[in-house]
Amino acid sequence: MTDRRKHAAVERLVPVAEQAGVSLTHLALAVVAPGTDLGAMDVAHVPAALTEPEGRRRGLGDRAAA
């Protein structure tokens, strides 16, 4: 498939997205290939920077504005 053909294929999806009332990006995200869906472990992951404040803030003496 050439780039021109890929572009034409994407352009044919624009009216489909408009008819569905979503952006082309949202339409693309709605199509998930088998075996690529999220699992419980993906959803349950919380990065340490969200749970440990000391990991995301420098001390007063280390800040550029100090």
N, C-alpha and C. Protein backbone atom coordinates (compact mmCIF):
# COMPACT_ATOMS: atom_id res chain seq x y z
N MET A 1 0.85 -1.18 0.00
CA MET A 1 0.00 0.00 0.00
C MET A 1 0.89 1.24 0.00
N THR A 2 0.66 2.12 -0.93
CA THR A 2 1.47 3.33 -1.00
C THR A 2 0.95 4.39 -0.04
N ASP A 3 1.75 5.41 0.22
CA ASP A 3 1.31 6.50 1.09
C ASP A 3 0.06 7.18 0.55
N ARG A 4 -0.02 7.32 -0.78
CA ARG A 4 -1.19 7.95 -1.40
C ARG A 4 -2.44 7.13 -1.12
N ARG A 5 -2.32 5.82 -1.19
CA ARG A 5 -3.47 4.95 -0.92
C ARG A 5 -3.86 4.99 0.56
N LYS A 6 -2.87 5.07 1.44
CA LYS A 6 -3.17 5.18 2.87
C LYS A 6 -3.91 6.48 3.16
N HIS A 7 -3.43 7.55 2.55
CA HIS A 7 -4.06 8.85 2.75
C HIS A 7 -5.51 8.83 2.25
N ALA A 8 -5.72 8.23 1.10
CA ALA A 8 -7.07 8.13 0.55
C ALA A 8 -7.98 7.31 1.46
N ALA A 9 -7.43 6.24 2.04
CA ALA A 9 -8.22 5.41 2.95
C ALA A 9 -8.62 6.20 4.19
N VAL A 10 -7.71 6.99 4.72
CA VAL A 10 -8.01 7.81 5.90
C VAL A 10 -9.05 8.86 5.54
N GLU A 11 -8.91 9.47 4.38
CA GLU A 11 -9.86 10.50 3.95
C GLU A 11 -11.28 9.94 3.83
N ARG A 12 -11.40 8.66 3.47
CA ARG A 12 -12.73 8.05 3.38
C ARG A 12 -13.35 7.86 4.76
N LEU A 13 -12.54 7.88 5.81
CA LEU A 13 -13.07 7.71 7.17
C LEU A 13 -13.59 9.02 7.76
N VAL A 14 -13.21 10.16 7.19
CA VAL A 14 -13.64 11.45 7.73
C VAL A 14 -15.16 11.56 7.77
N PRO A 15 -15.89 11.26 6.69
CA PRO A 15 -17.35 11.35 6.77
C PRO A 15 -17.95 10.37 7.78
N VAL A 16 -17.32 9.22 7.96
CA VAL A 16 -17.80 8.25 8.94
C VAL A 16 -17.71 8.84 10.34
N ALA A 17 -16.58 9.48 10.65
CA ALA A 17 -16.39 10.11 11.96
C ALA A 17 -17.39 11.25 12.14
N GLU A 18 -17.58 12.06 11.10
CA GLU A 18 -18.53 13.17 11.20
C GLU A 18 -19.95 12.66 11.43
N GLN A 19 -20.33 11.60 10.73
CA GLN A 19 -21.66 11.04 10.91
C GLN A 19 -21.85 10.49 12.32
N ALA A 20 -20.78 9.94 12.89
CA ALA A 20 -20.85 9.40 14.24
C ALA A 20 -20.77 10.51 15.30
N GLY A 21 -20.39 11.73 14.87
CA GLY A 21 -20.31 12.84 15.82
C GLY A 21 -19.05 12.82 16.65
N VAL A 22 -17.99 12.21 16.13
CA VAL A 22 -16.72 12.16 16.86
C VAL A 22 -15.60 12.63 15.93
N SER A 23 -14.46 12.96 16.53
CA SER A 23 -13.30 13.34 15.72
C SER A 23 -12.70 12.08 15.10
N LEU A 24 -11.89 12.29 14.09
CA LEU A 24 -11.22 11.16 13.44
C LEU A 24 -10.31 10.44 14.44
N THR A 25 -9.70 11.20 15.34
CA THR A 25 -8.85 10.60 16.38
C THR A 25 -9.66 9.68 17.28
N HIS A 26 -10.83 10.14 17.72
CA HIS A 26 -11.68 9.31 18.57
C HIS A 26 -12.15 8.06 17.84
N LEU A 27 -12.44 8.21 16.57
CA LEU A 27 -12.84 7.05 15.78
C LEU A 27 -11.70 6.04 15.72
N ALA A 28 -10.49 6.52 15.51
CA ALA A 28 -9.34 5.62 15.45
C ALA A 28 -9.12 4.92 16.78
N LEU A 29 -9.33 5.63 17.87
CA LEU A 29 -9.14 5.01 19.19
C LEU A 29 -10.22 3.99 19.50
N ALA A 30 -11.37 4.12 18.85
CA ALA A 30 -12.46 3.18 19.10
C ALA A 30 -12.20 1.82 18.46
N VAL A 31 -11.31 1.78 17.49
CA VAL A 31 -11.00 0.54 16.80
C VAL A 31 -9.75 -0.06 17.45
N VAL A 32 -9.94 -1.13 18.20
CA VAL A 32 -8.83 -1.77 18.91
C VAL A 32 -8.64 -3.16 18.33
N ALA A 33 -7.44 -3.43 17.91
CA ALA A 33 -7.13 -4.75 17.34
C ALA A 33 -7.23 -5.82 18.43
N PRO A 34 -7.66 -7.02 18.07
CA PRO A 34 -7.76 -8.10 19.05
C PRO A 34 -6.42 -8.33 19.75
N GLY A 35 -6.48 -8.50 21.04
CA GLY A 35 -5.28 -8.76 21.81
C GLY A 35 -4.55 -7.51 22.27
N THR A 36 -5.07 -6.34 21.96
CA THR A 36 -4.40 -5.11 22.38
C THR A 36 -5.23 -4.33 23.40
N ASP A 37 -6.27 -4.94 23.94
CA ASP A 37 -7.09 -4.24 24.92
C ASP A 37 -6.35 -4.13 26.25
N LEU A 38 -6.80 -3.21 27.09
CA LEU A 38 -6.18 -2.99 28.38
C LEU A 38 -6.59 -4.07 29.36
N GLY A 39 -5.67 -4.44 30.20
CA GLY A 39 -5.97 -5.41 31.24
C GLY A 39 -6.06 -4.73 32.60
N ALA A 40 -6.42 -5.49 33.61
CA ALA A 40 -6.57 -4.95 34.96
C ALA A 40 -5.27 -4.33 35.48
N MET A 41 -4.14 -4.93 35.14
CA MET A 41 -2.86 -4.41 35.62
C MET A 41 -2.54 -3.06 34.98
N ASP A 42 -2.95 -2.86 33.73
CA ASP A 42 -2.73 -1.57 33.07
C ASP A 42 -3.51 -0.46 33.76
N VAL A 43 -4.73 -0.74 34.11
CA VAL A 43 -5.60 0.25 34.72
C VAL A 43 -5.19 0.51 36.17
N ALA A 44 -4.70 -0.50 36.86
CA ALA A 44 -4.37 -0.38 38.28
C ALA A 44 -3.04 0.35 38.52
N HIS A 45 -2.20 0.48 37.50
CA HIS A 45 -0.88 1.10 37.68
C HIS A 45 -1.00 2.58 38.04
N VAL A 46 -0.33 2.97 39.12
CA VAL A 46 -0.27 4.38 39.53
C VAL A 46 1.21 4.73 39.68
N PRO A 47 1.71 5.68 38.87
CA PRO A 47 3.12 6.04 38.95
C PRO A 47 3.50 6.57 40.34
N ALA A 48 4.72 6.31 40.76
CA ALA A 48 5.18 6.73 42.08
C ALA A 48 5.09 8.24 42.25
N ALA A 49 5.29 9.01 41.19
CA ALA A 49 5.23 10.47 41.30
C ALA A 49 3.85 10.95 41.73
N LEU A 50 2.81 10.15 41.53
CA LEU A 50 1.47 10.53 41.96
C LEU A 50 1.18 10.16 43.40
N THR A 51 1.93 9.20 43.94
CA THR A 51 1.65 8.74 45.30
C THR A 51 2.70 9.18 46.32
N GLU A 52 3.88 9.59 45.87
CA GLU A 52 4.95 9.97 46.77
C GLU A 52 5.40 11.41 46.49
N PRO A 53 4.92 12.36 47.28
CA PRO A 53 5.24 13.78 47.03
C PRO A 53 6.73 14.09 47.02
N GLU A 54 7.50 13.40 47.84
CA GLU A 54 8.93 13.68 47.89
C GLU A 54 9.62 13.32 46.57
N GLY A 55 9.01 12.49 45.77
CA GLY A 55 9.58 12.11 44.50
C GLY A 55 9.35 13.12 43.40
N ARG A 56 8.45 14.08 43.61
CA ARG A 56 8.16 15.02 42.54
C ARG A 56 8.50 16.46 42.88
N ARG A 57 8.93 16.74 44.11
CA ARG A 57 9.29 18.11 44.47
C ARG A 57 10.69 18.14 45.06
N ARG A 58 11.45 19.10 44.64
CA ARG A 58 12.78 19.28 45.20
C ARG A 58 12.67 20.11 46.49
N GLY A 59 13.65 20.00 47.34
CA GLY A 59 13.67 20.77 48.58
C GLY A 59 13.84 22.25 48.28
N LEU A 60 13.52 23.11 49.27
CA LEU A 60 13.59 24.56 49.06
C LEU A 60 14.96 25.02 48.62
N GLY A 61 16.01 24.44 49.15
CA GLY A 61 17.36 24.83 48.80
C GLY A 61 17.79 24.41 47.39
N ASP A 62 17.09 23.44 46.83
CA ASP A 62 17.44 22.92 45.51
C ASP A 62 16.65 23.57 44.38
N ARG A 63 15.67 24.39 44.70
CA ARG A 63 14.83 24.98 43.67
C ARG A 63 15.52 26.16 43.02
N ALA A 64 15.25 26.37 41.73
CA ALA A 64 15.89 27.45 40.98
C ALA A 64 15.45 28.82 41.49
N ALA A 65 14.23 28.93 41.98
CA ALA A 65 13.72 30.22 42.43
C ALA A 65 14.13 30.55 43.87
N ALA A 66 14.85 29.67 44.53
CA ALA A 66 15.19 29.88 45.94
C ALA A 66 16.26 30.94 46.10
